[in-house]
Structures are given as structure tokens and as C-alpha cells.
Amino acid sequence: MKSLEESFNLLSQKWNLEIIYTLFLKNEATFSGLRHILGVNSRTLSDKLKNLKGHGYIERIVEAGPPLRVKYALTVKGRNTALLALPLLYYLSSLSSI
């Protein structure tokens, strides 16, 4: 139960589900790509990505350069979480149109 509670607390924090959903739709994205899509400031996005990576929802992929490229993608845990959250996201988006 404790693990489930920790997961809900993490996912309910602002931007976390949005990041997971965006990566679910795009398969992978760069830091600047995520920042542009979500409209979030760099510091907040950096903190959220580190936190999600630390909990195993996303992975950071470094491609050797030049130039060095860093991309983010969902792990299996992140992809499964996105699939479970889709009905909730759909429901929430339908509320905003009422």
C-alpha cells in the first residue's frame, strides 16, 4: 500500500502526468522539445525529469555527438502508467469543455 501511495503522490504533482503523457505520444523528446510543448520553465522541467527518472518512469538517453544529444523516453513502468492514466486524462479533458 505504501508503494501505491508514493506513486499516486508523485503522479499527482503538477507536470508529472503531462510529461509522461507527452512522452507516451511522442515516444521520445529532447529537453527543449518538452519545454516547448508543455510551456514549463527550465528549472521546473529539469527537477521533474530528475524525479521521474529517479522513480523509474522515464529514461535519459545520451547520444554521442558532436553535438551531444539528450533525449527522454518512457520506461516500461512509465508506458504502463500512461496507459492506466489515459481514461483519467480523457475524463479531465472532457470536464474542461463543459
Protein backbone atom coordinates (compact mmCIF):
# COMPACT_ATOMS: atom_id res chain seq x y z
CA MET A 1 0.00 0.00 0.00
CA LYS A 2 2.87 2.36 0.82
CA SER A 3 4.32 1.96 -2.69
CA LEU A 4 0.96 2.73 -4.27
CA GLU A 5 0.57 5.83 -2.11
CA GLU A 6 4.04 7.07 -3.12
CA SER A 7 3.20 6.54 -6.80
CA PHE A 8 -0.07 8.48 -6.51
CA ASN A 9 1.68 11.31 -4.67
CA LEU A 10 4.35 11.55 -7.36
CA LEU A 11 1.92 11.39 -10.27
CA SER A 12 -0.44 13.94 -8.76
CA GLN A 13 2.29 16.58 -8.65
CA LYS A 14 1.99 19.30 -11.26
CA TRP A 15 3.60 18.49 -14.63
CA ASN A 16 4.42 14.83 -13.94
CA LEU A 17 1.45 13.28 -15.76
CA GLU A 18 1.77 15.86 -18.53
CA ILE A 19 5.41 14.85 -19.07
CA ILE A 20 4.54 11.14 -19.06
CA TYR A 21 1.63 11.65 -21.46
CA THR A 22 3.73 13.78 -23.83
CA LEU A 23 6.47 11.14 -23.93
CA PHE A 24 3.81 8.49 -24.48
CA LEU A 25 2.56 10.34 -27.56
CA LYS A 26 5.99 11.32 -28.93
CA ASN A 27 7.94 8.16 -27.95
CA GLU A 28 10.95 10.36 -27.12
CA ALA A 29 11.71 14.05 -26.84
CA THR A 30 14.56 16.41 -26.11
CA PHE A 31 14.59 18.72 -23.12
CA SER A 32 13.90 21.76 -25.29
CA GLY A 33 11.16 19.89 -27.13
CA LEU A 34 9.39 19.06 -23.87
CA ARG A 35 9.84 22.62 -22.62
CA HIS A 36 8.29 23.99 -25.80
CA ILE A 37 5.36 21.54 -25.88
CA LEU A 38 4.47 21.94 -22.20
CA GLY A 39 5.30 25.62 -21.76
CA VAL A 40 7.11 24.93 -18.48
CA ASN A 41 10.22 26.75 -17.27
CA SER A 42 13.60 25.02 -17.50
CA ARG A 43 14.22 24.67 -13.77
CA THR A 44 10.85 23.05 -13.11
CA LEU A 45 11.19 20.69 -16.06
CA SER A 46 14.71 19.68 -15.01
CA ASP A 47 13.53 18.91 -11.46
CA LYS A 48 10.52 16.92 -12.70
CA LEU A 49 12.59 14.89 -15.17
CA LYS A 50 15.15 14.01 -12.48
CA ASN A 51 12.39 12.97 -10.11
CA LEU A 52 10.57 10.84 -12.71
CA LYS A 53 13.86 9.24 -13.75
CA GLY A 54 14.71 8.51 -10.12
CA HIS A 55 11.40 6.71 -9.69
CA GLY A 56 11.84 4.68 -12.88
CA TYR A 57 9.18 6.28 -15.08
CA ILE A 58 11.50 7.75 -17.70
CA GLU A 59 14.96 7.13 -19.04
CA ARG A 60 17.56 9.65 -20.15
CA ILE A 61 19.24 8.67 -23.41
CA VAL A 62 22.55 10.34 -24.26
CA GLU A 63 23.58 10.15 -27.91
CA ALA A 64 27.25 10.78 -28.58
CA GLY A 65 27.95 13.76 -30.78
CA PRO A 66 29.06 16.06 -31.87
CA PRO A 67 26.76 17.55 -30.94
CA LEU A 68 25.86 15.64 -27.81
CA ARG A 69 22.10 14.96 -27.76
CA VAL A 70 19.99 14.05 -24.76
CA LYS A 71 16.54 12.56 -25.22
CA TYR A 72 13.94 11.33 -22.78
CA ALA A 73 11.69 8.32 -23.22
CA LEU A 74 9.31 6.27 -21.09
CA THR A 75 10.41 3.09 -19.42
CA VAL A 76 8.04 0.10 -19.34
CA LYS A 77 6.78 1.39 -15.98
CA GLY A 78 6.19 4.83 -17.49
CA ARG A 79 4.39 3.43 -20.54
CA ASN A 80 2.15 1.27 -18.34
CA THR A 81 1.39 4.27 -16.15
CA ALA A 82 0.45 6.33 -19.21
CA LEU A 83 -1.89 3.57 -20.40
CA LEU A 84 -3.54 3.42 -16.98
CA ALA A 85 -3.87 7.22 -16.84
CA LEU A 86 -5.46 7.62 -20.29
CA PRO A 87 -9.06 7.23 -19.06
CA LEU A 88 -8.41 9.78 -16.31
CA LEU A 89 -6.81 12.24 -18.74
CA TYR A 90 -9.71 11.78 -21.16
CA TYR A 91 -12.22 12.38 -18.38
CA LEU A 92 -10.41 15.50 -17.15
CA SER A 93 -10.18 16.94 -20.67
CA SER A 94 -13.93 16.42 -21.14
CA LEU A 95 -14.60 18.43 -17.98
CA SER A 96 -12.76 21.45 -19.33
CA SER A 97 -15.08 21.59 -22.36
CA ILE A 98 -18.24 21.80 -20.22
